[in-house]
All heavy atoms as atom14 arrays in JSON, in Angstrom:
{
  "sequence": "ELLKLMESLQRDGVQYVDKPFYAAGYDSPFKLTNRRNEVWVLKK",
  "atom14_mask": [
    [1, 1, 1, 1, 1, 1, 1, 1, 1, 0, 0, 0, 0, 0],
    [1, 1, 1, 1, 1, 1, 1, 1, 0, 0, 0, 0, 0, 0],
    [1, 1, 1, 1, 1, 1, 1, 1, 0, 0, 0, 0, 0, 0],
    [1, 1, 1, 1, 1, 1, 1, 1, 1, 0, 0, 0, 0, 0],
    [1, 1, 1, 1, 1, 1, 1, 1, 0, 0, 0, 0, 0, 0],
    [1, 1, 1, 1, 1, 1, 1, 1, 0, 0, 0, 0, 0, 0],
    [1, 1, 1, 1, 1, 1, 1, 1, 1, 0, 0, 0, 0, 0],
    [1, 1, 1, 1, 1, 1, 0, 0, 0, 0, 0, 0, 0, 0],
    [1, 1, 1, 1, 1, 1, 1, 1, 0, 0, 0, 0, 0, 0],
    [1, 1, 1, 1, 1, 1, 1, 1, 1, 0, 0, 0, 0, 0],
    [1, 1, 1, 1, 1, 1, 1, 1, 1, 1, 1, 0, 0, 0],
    [1, 1, 1, 1, 1, 1, 1, 1, 0, 0, 0, 0, 0, 0],
    [1, 1, 1, 1, 0, 0, 0, 0, 0, 0, 0, 0, 0, 0],
    [1, 1, 1, 1, 1, 1, 1, 0, 0, 0, 0, 0, 0, 0],
    [1, 1, 1, 1, 1, 1, 1, 1, 1, 0, 0, 0, 0, 0],
    [1, 1, 1, 1, 1, 1, 1, 1, 1, 1, 1, 1, 0, 0],
    [1, 1, 1, 1, 1, 1, 1, 0, 0, 0, 0, 0, 0, 0],
    [1, 1, 1, 1, 1, 1, 1, 1, 0, 0, 0, 0, 0, 0],
    [1, 1, 1, 1, 1, 1, 1, 1, 1, 0, 0, 0, 0, 0],
    [1, 1, 1, 1, 1, 1, 1, 0, 0, 0, 0, 0, 0, 0],
    [1, 1, 1, 1, 1, 1, 1, 1, 1, 1, 1, 0, 0, 0],
    [1, 1, 1, 1, 1, 1, 1, 1, 1, 1, 1, 1, 0, 0],
    [1, 1, 1, 1, 1, 0, 0, 0, 0, 0, 0, 0, 0, 0],
    [1, 1, 1, 1, 1, 0, 0, 0, 0, 0, 0, 0, 0, 0],
    [1, 1, 1, 1, 0, 0, 0, 0, 0, 0, 0, 0, 0, 0],
    [1, 1, 1, 1, 1, 1, 1, 1, 1, 1, 1, 1, 0, 0],
    [1, 1, 1, 1, 1, 1, 1, 1, 0, 0, 0, 0, 0, 0],
    [1, 1, 1, 1, 1, 1, 0, 0, 0, 0, 0, 0, 0, 0],
    [1, 1, 1, 1, 1, 1, 1, 0, 0, 0, 0, 0, 0, 0],
    [1, 1, 1, 1, 1, 1, 1, 1, 1, 1, 1, 0, 0, 0],
    [1, 1, 1, 1, 1, 1, 1, 1, 1, 0, 0, 0, 0, 0],
    [1, 1, 1, 1, 1, 1, 1, 1, 0, 0, 0, 0, 0, 0],
    [1, 1, 1, 1, 1, 1, 1, 0, 0, 0, 0, 0, 0, 0],
    [1, 1, 1, 1, 1, 1, 1, 1, 0, 0, 0, 0, 0, 0],
    [1, 1, 1, 1, 1, 1, 1, 1, 1, 1, 1, 0, 0, 0],
    [1, 1, 1, 1, 1, 1, 1, 1, 1, 1, 1, 0, 0, 0],
    [1, 1, 1, 1, 1, 1, 1, 1, 0, 0, 0, 0, 0, 0],
    [1, 1, 1, 1, 1, 1, 1, 1, 1, 0, 0, 0, 0, 0],
    [1, 1, 1, 1, 1, 1, 1, 0, 0, 0, 0, 0, 0, 0],
    [1, 1, 1, 1, 1, 1, 1, 1, 1, 1, 1, 1, 1, 1],
    [1, 1, 1, 1, 1, 1, 1, 0, 0, 0, 0, 0, 0, 0],
    [1, 1, 1, 1, 1, 1, 1, 1, 0, 0, 0, 0, 0, 0],
    [1, 1, 1, 1, 1, 1, 1, 1, 1, 0, 0, 0, 0, 0],
    [1, 1, 1, 1, 1, 1, 1, 1, 1, 0, 0, 0, 0, 0]
  ],
  "atom14_positions": [
    [[-69.51, -28.99, -24.96], [-68.44, -30.0, -24.89], [-67.1, -29.37, -24.52], [-66.31, -29.96, -23.79], [-68.34, -30.74, -26.24], [-69.57, -31.55, -26.6], [-69.84, -32.71, -25.66], [-68.89, -33.24, -25.05], [-71.01, -33.11, -25.52], [0.0, 0.0, 0.0], [0.0, 0.0, 0.0], [0.0, 0.0, 0.0], [0.0, 0.0, 0.0], [0.0, 0.0, 0.0]],
    [[-66.86, -28.17, -25.01], [-65.64, -27.44, -24.67], [-65.6, -27.16, -23.16], [-64.57, -27.35, -22.49], [-65.58, -26.13, -25.45], [-64.35, -25.27, -25.24], [-63.11, -25.92, -25.85], [-64.55, -23.89, -25.86], [0.0, 0.0, 0.0], [0.0, 0.0, 0.0], [0.0, 0.0, 0.0], [0.0, 0.0, 0.0], [0.0, 0.0, 0.0], [0.0, 0.0, 0.0]],
    [[-66.73, -26.75, -22.61], [-66.83, -26.47, -21.18], [-66.58, -27.74, -20.37], [-65.85, -27.73, -19.36], [-68.21, -25.9, -20.86], [-68.39, -25.28, -19.48], [-67.44, -24.12, -19.25], [-69.84, -24.81, -19.29], [0.0, 0.0, 0.0], [0.0, 0.0, 0.0], [0.0, 0.0, 0.0], [0.0, 0.0, 0.0], [0.0, 0.0, 0.0], [0.0, 0.0, 0.0]],
    [[-67.14, -28.86, -20.82], [-66.93, -30.15, -20.13], [-65.46, -30.54, -20.15], [-64.93, -31.03, -19.15], [-67.77, -31.25, -20.8], [-69.26, -31.16, -20.53], [-70.01, -32.24, -21.32], [-71.51, -32.06, -21.2], [-72.24, -33.0, -22.1], [0.0, 0.0, 0.0], [0.0, 0.0, 0.0], [0.0, 0.0, 0.0], [0.0, 0.0, 0.0], [0.0, 0.0, 0.0]],
    [[-64.8, -30.3, -21.29], [-63.38, -30.62, -21.4], [-62.57, -29.77, -20.43], [-61.71, -30.29, -19.69], [-62.9, -30.41, -22.84], [-61.4, -30.55, -23.1], [-60.88, -31.92, -22.68], [-61.08, -30.29, -24.58], [0.0, 0.0, 0.0], [0.0, 0.0, 0.0], [0.0, 0.0, 0.0], [0.0, 0.0, 0.0], [0.0, 0.0, 0.0], [0.0, 0.0, 0.0]],
    [[-62.85, -28.47, -20.39], [-62.1, -27.59, -19.48], [-62.36, -27.95, -18.02], [-61.44, -27.9, -17.19], [-62.47, -26.13, -19.76], [-61.92, -25.61, -21.08], [-62.35, -23.89, -21.4], [-61.37, -23.52, -22.86], [0.0, 0.0, 0.0], [0.0, 0.0, 0.0], [0.0, 0.0, 0.0], [0.0, 0.0, 0.0], [0.0, 0.0, 0.0], [0.0, 0.0, 0.0]],
    [[-63.6, -28.34, -17.71], [-63.91, -28.76, -16.32], [-63.12, -30.02, -15.96], [-62.63, -30.15, -14.84], [-65.42, -29.01, -16.18], [-66.24, -27.73, -16.13], [-67.75, -27.97, -16.2], [-68.15, -29.13, -16.48], [-68.52, -27.01, -15.98], [0.0, 0.0, 0.0], [0.0, 0.0, 0.0], [0.0, 0.0, 0.0], [0.0, 0.0, 0.0], [0.0, 0.0, 0.0]],
    [[-62.99, -30.95, -16.91], [-62.22, -32.17, -16.66], [-60.74, -31.86, -16.43], [-60.1, -32.44, -15.55], [-62.35, -33.14, -17.84], [-63.68, -33.55, -18.0], [0.0, 0.0, 0.0], [0.0, 0.0, 0.0], [0.0, 0.0, 0.0], [0.0, 0.0, 0.0], [0.0, 0.0, 0.0], [0.0, 0.0, 0.0], [0.0, 0.0, 0.0], [0.0, 0.0, 0.0]],
    [[-60.2, -30.93, -17.22], [-58.79, -30.55, -17.07], [-58.55, -29.87, -15.73], [-57.55, -30.11, -15.06], [-58.36, -29.65, -18.23], [-58.42, -30.29, -19.63], [-58.12, -29.26, -20.71], [-57.46, -31.47, -19.74], [0.0, 0.0, 0.0], [0.0, 0.0, 0.0], [0.0, 0.0, 0.0], [0.0, 0.0, 0.0], [0.0, 0.0, 0.0], [0.0, 0.0, 0.0]],
    [[-59.51, -29.01, -15.33], [-59.39, -28.34, -14.02], [-59.47, -29.37, -12.89], [-58.71, -29.3, -11.91], [-60.5, -27.3, -13.87], [-60.28, -26.07, -14.75], [-61.52, -25.22, -14.91], [-62.51, -25.41, -14.22], [-61.49, -24.28, -15.85], [0.0, 0.0, 0.0], [0.0, 0.0, 0.0], [0.0, 0.0, 0.0], [0.0, 0.0, 0.0], [0.0, 0.0, 0.0]],
    [[-60.37, -30.34, -13.04], [-60.51, -31.42, -12.05], [-59.2, -32.18, -11.87], [-58.82, -32.54, -10.75], [-61.61, -32.37, -12.53], [-61.81, -33.63, -11.7], [-62.58, -34.68, -12.51], [-61.78, -35.18, -13.62], [-62.3, -35.72, -14.73], [-63.61, -35.79, -14.91], [-61.49, -36.18, -15.68], [0.0, 0.0, 0.0], [0.0, 0.0, 0.0], [0.0, 0.0, 0.0]],
    [[-58.47, -32.4, -13.0], [-57.24, -33.18, -12.96], [-56.0, -32.32, -12.71], [-54.88, -32.83, -12.73], [-57.07, -33.95, -14.28], [-58.16, -35.01, -14.46], [-58.86, -35.32, -13.47], [-58.31, -35.52, -15.58], [0.0, 0.0, 0.0], [0.0, 0.0, 0.0], [0.0, 0.0, 0.0], [0.0, 0.0, 0.0], [0.0, 0.0, 0.0], [0.0, 0.0, 0.0]],
    [[-56.22, -31.01, -12.5], [-55.09, -30.12, -12.22], [-54.15, -29.94, -13.4], [-52.95, -29.74, -13.22], [0.0, 0.0, 0.0], [0.0, 0.0, 0.0], [0.0, 0.0, 0.0], [0.0, 0.0, 0.0], [0.0, 0.0, 0.0], [0.0, 0.0, 0.0], [0.0, 0.0, 0.0], [0.0, 0.0, 0.0], [0.0, 0.0, 0.0], [0.0, 0.0, 0.0]],
    [[-54.7, -30.0, -14.61], [-53.89, -29.92, -15.82], [-53.8, -28.47, -16.29], [-54.79, -27.75, -16.31], [-54.53, -30.8, -16.94], [-53.81, -30.59, -18.26], [-54.51, -32.26, -16.54], [0.0, 0.0, 0.0], [0.0, 0.0, 0.0], [0.0, 0.0, 0.0], [0.0, 0.0, 0.0], [0.0, 0.0, 0.0], [0.0, 0.0, 0.0], [0.0, 0.0, 0.0]],
    [[-52.59, -28.05, -16.66], [-52.39, -26.69, -17.18], [-52.74, -26.67, -18.67], [-52.24, -27.5, -19.43], [-50.93, -26.28, -17.0], [-50.49, -26.17, -15.55], [-51.12, -24.97, -14.85], [-51.02, -23.85, -15.31], [-51.79, -25.22, -13.74], [0.0, 0.0, 0.0], [0.0, 0.0, 0.0], [0.0, 0.0, 0.0], [0.0, 0.0, 0.0], [0.0, 0.0, 0.0]],
    [[-53.59, -25.75, -19.08], [-53.98, -25.67, -20.49], [-54.13, -24.21, -20.91], [-54.21, -23.31, -20.09], [-55.29, -26.44, -20.73], [-56.49, -25.86, -20.02], [-57.3, -24.9, -20.63], [-56.83, -26.26, -18.72], [-58.4, -24.35, -19.97], [-57.92, -25.73, -18.07], [-58.71, -24.78, -18.7], [-59.78, -24.23, -18.05], [0.0, 0.0, 0.0], [0.0, 0.0, 0.0]],
    [[-54.19, -24.0, -22.23], [-54.4, -22.66, -22.8], [-55.9, -22.51, -23.03], [-56.5, -23.32, -23.75], [-53.63, -22.52, -24.14], [-53.87, -21.15, -24.75], [-52.15, -22.78, -23.93], [0.0, 0.0, 0.0], [0.0, 0.0, 0.0], [0.0, 0.0, 0.0], [0.0, 0.0, 0.0], [0.0, 0.0, 0.0], [0.0, 0.0, 0.0], [0.0, 0.0, 0.0]],
    [[-56.54, -21.49, -22.44], [-58.0, -21.4, -22.57], [-58.45, -20.81, -23.9], [-59.59, -21.02, -24.32], [-58.62, -20.65, -21.38], [-58.12, -19.23, -21.24], [-57.17, -18.85, -21.96], [-58.66, -18.49, -20.4], [0.0, 0.0, 0.0], [0.0, 0.0, 0.0], [0.0, 0.0, 0.0], [0.0, 0.0, 0.0], [0.0, 0.0, 0.0], [0.0, 0.0, 0.0]],
    [[-57.56, -20.1, -24.6], [-57.87, -19.63, -25.95], [-56.56, -19.38, -26.7], [-55.58, -19.0, -26.07], [-58.75, -18.37, -25.91], [-58.16, -17.2, -25.15], [-59.17, -16.05, -25.05], [-58.57, -14.92, -24.22], [-59.48, -13.82, -23.98], [0.0, 0.0, 0.0], [0.0, 0.0, 0.0], [0.0, 0.0, 0.0], [0.0, 0.0, 0.0], [0.0, 0.0, 0.0]],
    [[-56.52, -19.63, -28.0], [-57.61, -20.13, -28.83], [-57.92, -21.6, -28.53], [-57.14, -22.28, -27.86], [-57.06, -19.99, -30.24], [-55.57, -20.16, -30.07], [-55.25, -19.51, -28.76], [0.0, 0.0, 0.0], [0.0, 0.0, 0.0], [0.0, 0.0, 0.0], [0.0, 0.0, 0.0], [0.0, 0.0, 0.0], [0.0, 0.0, 0.0], [0.0, 0.0, 0.0]],
    [[-59.04, -22.08, -29.06], [-59.41, -23.49, -28.96], [-59.9, -23.94, -30.32], [-60.08, -23.13, -31.23], [-60.46, -23.71, -27.87], [-61.61, -22.74, -27.93], [-62.68, -22.94, -28.79], [-61.62, -21.6, -27.11], [-63.73, -22.04, -28.85], [-62.68, -20.69, -27.16], [-63.74, -20.91, -28.03], [0.0, 0.0, 0.0], [0.0, 0.0, 0.0], [0.0, 0.0, 0.0]],
    [[-60.07, -25.26, -30.47], [-60.41, -25.82, -31.77], [-61.65, -26.72, -31.68], [-61.88, -27.38, -30.66], [-59.27, -26.7, -32.3], [-58.04, -25.96, -32.75], [-57.09, -25.5, -31.82], [-57.78, -25.75, -34.1], [-55.95, -24.84, -32.23], [-56.62, -25.1, -34.53], [-55.71, -24.65, -33.59], [-54.57, -24.0, -34.0], [0.0, 0.0, 0.0], [0.0, 0.0, 0.0]],
    [[-62.4, -26.76, -32.79], [-63.41, -27.8, -33.01], [-62.97, -28.58, -34.23], [-62.35, -28.02, -35.15], [-64.78, -27.18, -33.24], [0.0, 0.0, 0.0], [0.0, 0.0, 0.0], [0.0, 0.0, 0.0], [0.0, 0.0, 0.0], [0.0, 0.0, 0.0], [0.0, 0.0, 0.0], [0.0, 0.0, 0.0], [0.0, 0.0, 0.0], [0.0, 0.0, 0.0]],
    [[-63.26, -29.88, -34.25], [-62.87, -30.72, -35.39], [-64.05, -31.62, -35.75], [-64.69, -32.2, -34.88], [-61.65, -31.57, -35.02], [0.0, 0.0, 0.0], [0.0, 0.0, 0.0], [0.0, 0.0, 0.0], [0.0, 0.0, 0.0], [0.0, 0.0, 0.0], [0.0, 0.0, 0.0], [0.0, 0.0, 0.0], [0.0, 0.0, 0.0], [0.0, 0.0, 0.0]],
    [[-64.33, -31.71, -37.06], [-65.4, -32.57, -37.55], [-64.87, -33.54, -38.59], [-64.05, -33.17, -39.43], [0.0, 0.0, 0.0], [0.0, 0.0, 0.0], [0.0, 0.0, 0.0], [0.0, 0.0, 0.0], [0.0, 0.0, 0.0], [0.0, 0.0, 0.0], [0.0, 0.0, 0.0], [0.0, 0.0, 0.0], [0.0, 0.0, 0.0], [0.0, 0.0, 0.0]],
    [[-65.34, -34.79, -38.52], [-64.81, -35.84, -39.38], [-65.79, -36.31, -40.46], [-65.43, -37.09, -41.33], [-64.42, -37.06, -38.53], [-63.18, -36.82, -37.71], [-63.22, -36.09, -36.52], [-61.94, -37.32, -38.12], [-62.08, -35.86, -35.78], [-60.79, -37.1, -37.38], [-60.87, -36.37, -36.2], [-59.74, -36.13, -35.47], [0.0, 0.0, 0.0], [0.0, 0.0, 0.0]],
    [[-67.04, -35.86, -40.41], [-68.08, -36.47, -41.25], [-68.77, -35.47, -42.16], [-68.92, -34.29, -41.82], [-69.13, -37.15, -40.37], [-68.53, -38.2, -39.48], [-67.85, -39.09, -40.02], [-68.69, -38.12, -38.25], [0.0, 0.0, 0.0], [0.0, 0.0, 0.0], [0.0, 0.0, 0.0], [0.0, 0.0, 0.0], [0.0, 0.0, 0.0], [0.0, 0.0, 0.0]],
    [[-69.24, -35.97, -43.31], [-70.04, -35.15, -44.21], [-71.45, -35.02, -43.65], [-71.88, -35.82, -42.82], [-70.09, -35.79, -45.6], [-71.19, -36.67, -45.69], [0.0, 0.0, 0.0], [0.0, 0.0, 0.0], [0.0, 0.0, 0.0], [0.0, 0.0, 0.0], [0.0, 0.0, 0.0], [0.0, 0.0, 0.0], [0.0, 0.0, 0.0], [0.0, 0.0, 0.0]],
    [[-72.22, -34.02, -44.1], [-73.59, -33.85, -43.61], [-74.5, -35.04, -43.95], [-75.56, -35.19, -43.36], [-74.08, -32.59, -44.34], [-72.87, -31.92, -44.86], [-71.85, -32.98, -45.06], [0.0, 0.0, 0.0], [0.0, 0.0, 0.0], [0.0, 0.0, 0.0], [0.0, 0.0, 0.0], [0.0, 0.0, 0.0], [0.0, 0.0, 0.0], [0.0, 0.0, 0.0]],
    [[-74.06, -35.88, -44.91], [-74.89, -37.0, -45.34], [-74.76, -38.22, -44.43], [-75.54, -39.16, -44.56], [-74.55, -37.39, -46.78], [-74.73, -36.25, -47.75], [-73.64, -35.54, -48.22], [-76.0, -35.88, -48.17], [-73.81, -34.49, -49.1], [-76.18, -34.82, -49.05], [-75.09, -34.12, -49.51], [0.0, 0.0, 0.0], [0.0, 0.0, 0.0], [0.0, 0.0, 0.0]],
    [[-73.76, -38.22, -43.58], [-73.6, -39.35, -42.66], [-74.51, -39.13, -41.46], [-74.38, -38.12, -40.75], [-72.14, -39.48, -42.22], [-71.9, -40.73, -41.38], [-70.43, -40.91, -41.06], [-70.22, -42.15, -40.22], [-68.83, -42.32, -39.79], [0.0, 0.0, 0.0], [0.0, 0.0, 0.0], [0.0, 0.0, 0.0], [0.0, 0.0, 0.0], [0.0, 0.0, 0.0]],
    [[-75.42, -40.04, -41.22], [-76.46, -39.82, -40.2], [-76.14, -40.48, -38.87], [-76.66, -40.06, -37.84], [-77.81, -40.34, -40.73], [-78.28, -39.72, -42.05], [-79.61, -40.32, -42.47], [-78.39, -38.2, -41.94], [0.0, 0.0, 0.0], [0.0, 0.0, 0.0], [0.0, 0.0, 0.0], [0.0, 0.0, 0.0], [0.0, 0.0, 0.0], [0.0, 0.0, 0.0]],
    [[-75.32, -41.53, -38.86], [-75.06, -42.26, -37.62], [-73.55, -42.34, -37.36], [-72.74, -42.15, -38.27], [-75.64, -43.69, -37.68], [-75.04, -44.36, -38.81], [-77.14, -43.66, -37.85], [0.0, 0.0, 0.0], [0.0, 0.0, 0.0], [0.0, 0.0, 0.0], [0.0, 0.0, 0.0], [0.0, 0.0, 0.0], [0.0, 0.0, 0.0], [0.0, 0.0, 0.0]],
    [[-73.22, -42.66, -36.11], [-71.81, -42.82, -35.7], [-70.95, -41.63, -36.12], [-69.82, -41.79, -36.59], [-71.21, -44.11, -36.28], [-71.94, -45.34, -35.8], [-72.31, -45.43, -34.62], [-72.21, -46.27, -36.68], [0.0, 0.0, 0.0], [0.0, 0.0, 0.0], [0.0, 0.0, 0.0], [0.0, 0.0, 0.0], [0.0, 0.0, 0.0], [0.0, 0.0, 0.0]],
    [[-71.48, -40.45, -35.93], [-70.74, -39.25, -36.3], [-69.66, -38.97, -35.25], [-69.82, -39.28, -34.07], [-71.69, -38.05, -36.42], [-72.68, -38.2, -37.57], [-73.6, -36.99, -37.68], [-72.85, -35.78, -37.99], [-72.42, -35.46, -39.21], [-72.67, -36.24, -40.23], [-71.74, -34.33, -39.4], [0.0, 0.0, 0.0], [0.0, 0.0, 0.0], [0.0, 0.0, 0.0]],
    [[-68.57, -38.36, -35.7], [-67.43, -38.09, -34.8], [-67.08, -36.61, -34.85], [-66.77, -36.07, -35.9], [-66.23, -38.93, -35.23], [-64.97, -38.67, -34.39], [-63.83, -39.51, -34.92], [-62.56, -39.15, -34.33], [-61.38, -39.57, -34.8], [-61.33, -40.36, -35.86], [-60.25, -39.19, -34.21], [0.0, 0.0, 0.0], [0.0, 0.0, 0.0], [0.0, 0.0, 0.0]],
    [[-67.16, -35.98, -33.7], [-66.77, -34.57, -33.54], [-65.81, -34.48, -32.36], [-65.84, -35.32, -31.46], [-68.0, -33.7, -33.23], [-69.17, -34.0, -34.13], [-69.13, -33.71, -35.31], [-70.22, -34.6, -33.57], [0.0, 0.0, 0.0], [0.0, 0.0, 0.0], [0.0, 0.0, 0.0], [0.0, 0.0, 0.0], [0.0, 0.0, 0.0], [0.0, 0.0, 0.0]],
    [[-65.01, -33.44, -32.36], [-64.06, -33.24, -31.26], [-63.93, -31.77, -30.92], [-64.14, -30.9, -31.79], [-62.68, -33.78, -31.65], [-62.65, -35.27, -31.86], [-61.34, -35.78, -32.44], [-60.52, -34.96, -32.92], [-61.16, -37.0, -32.45], [0.0, 0.0, 0.0], [0.0, 0.0, 0.0], [0.0, 0.0, 0.0], [0.0, 0.0, 0.0], [0.0, 0.0, 0.0]],
    [[-63.55, -31.49, -29.68], [-63.04, -30.17, -29.3], [-61.63, -30.37, -28.77], [-61.34, -31.37, -28.11], [-63.94, -29.47, -28.24], [-65.19, -28.91, -28.89], [-64.3, -30.39, -27.08], [0.0, 0.0, 0.0], [0.0, 0.0, 0.0], [0.0, 0.0, 0.0], [0.0, 0.0, 0.0], [0.0, 0.0, 0.0], [0.0, 0.0, 0.0], [0.0, 0.0, 0.0]],
    [[-60.75, -29.42, -29.11], [-59.34, -29.48, -28.71], [-58.99, -28.25, -27.89], [-59.32, -27.13, -28.27], [-58.41, -29.49, -29.93], [-58.59, -30.57, -30.93], [-59.41, -31.66, -30.87], [-57.91, -30.67, -32.2], [-59.29, -32.42, -32.0], [-58.38, -31.83, -32.84], [-56.96, -29.88, -32.84], [-57.92, -32.23, -34.1], [-56.5, -30.26, -34.1], [-56.97, -31.42, -34.71]],
    [[-58.27, -28.5, -26.8], [-57.69, -27.41, -26.0], [-56.19, -27.67, -25.96], [-55.75, -28.81, -25.74], [-58.3, -27.39, -24.58], [-57.52, -26.47, -23.67], [-59.76, -26.97, -24.63], [0.0, 0.0, 0.0], [0.0, 0.0, 0.0], [0.0, 0.0, 0.0], [0.0, 0.0, 0.0], [0.0, 0.0, 0.0], [0.0, 0.0, 0.0], [0.0, 0.0, 0.0]],
    [[-55.39, -26.65, -26.18], [-53.94, -26.83, -26.28], [-53.29, -26.94, -24.91], [-53.7, -26.28, -23.95], [-53.31, -25.68, -27.06], [-53.83, -25.49, -28.5], [-53.07, -24.35, -29.18], [-53.72, -26.77, -29.31], [0.0, 0.0, 0.0], [0.0, 0.0, 0.0], [0.0, 0.0, 0.0], [0.0, 0.0, 0.0], [0.0, 0.0, 0.0], [0.0, 0.0, 0.0]],
    [[-52.26, -27.77, -24.85], [-51.48, -27.93, -23.62], [-50.65, -26.67, -23.38], [-50.1, -26.1, -24.31], [-50.55, -29.13, -23.77], [-49.66, -29.39, -22.57], [-48.76, -30.6, -22.82], [-47.87, -30.87, -21.63], [-46.97, -32.02, -21.88], [0.0, 0.0, 0.0], [0.0, 0.0, 0.0], [0.0, 0.0, 0.0], [0.0, 0.0, 0.0], [0.0, 0.0, 0.0]],
    [[-50.59, -26.24, -22.13], [-49.78, -25.08, -21.77], [-48.34, -25.51, -21.67], [-47.99, -26.42, -20.91], [-50.26, -24.48, -20.44], [-49.69, -23.13, -20.15], [-50.42, -22.46, -18.99], [-50.04, -21.01, -18.88], [-50.79, -20.31, -17.83], [0.0, 0.0, 0.0], [0.0, 0.0, 0.0], [0.0, 0.0, 0.0], [0.0, 0.0, 0.0], [0.0, 0.0, 0.0]]
  ]
}
């Protein structure tokens, strides 16, 4: 997902910081459906 995000930013000509980067999780292991995860890349 991080690679897909960076490819999208390159496609749009957006300047970004390639490292460090972040992953974010919103759900406990007990939640089985509609889980939400994110990857973050910082703006340059």
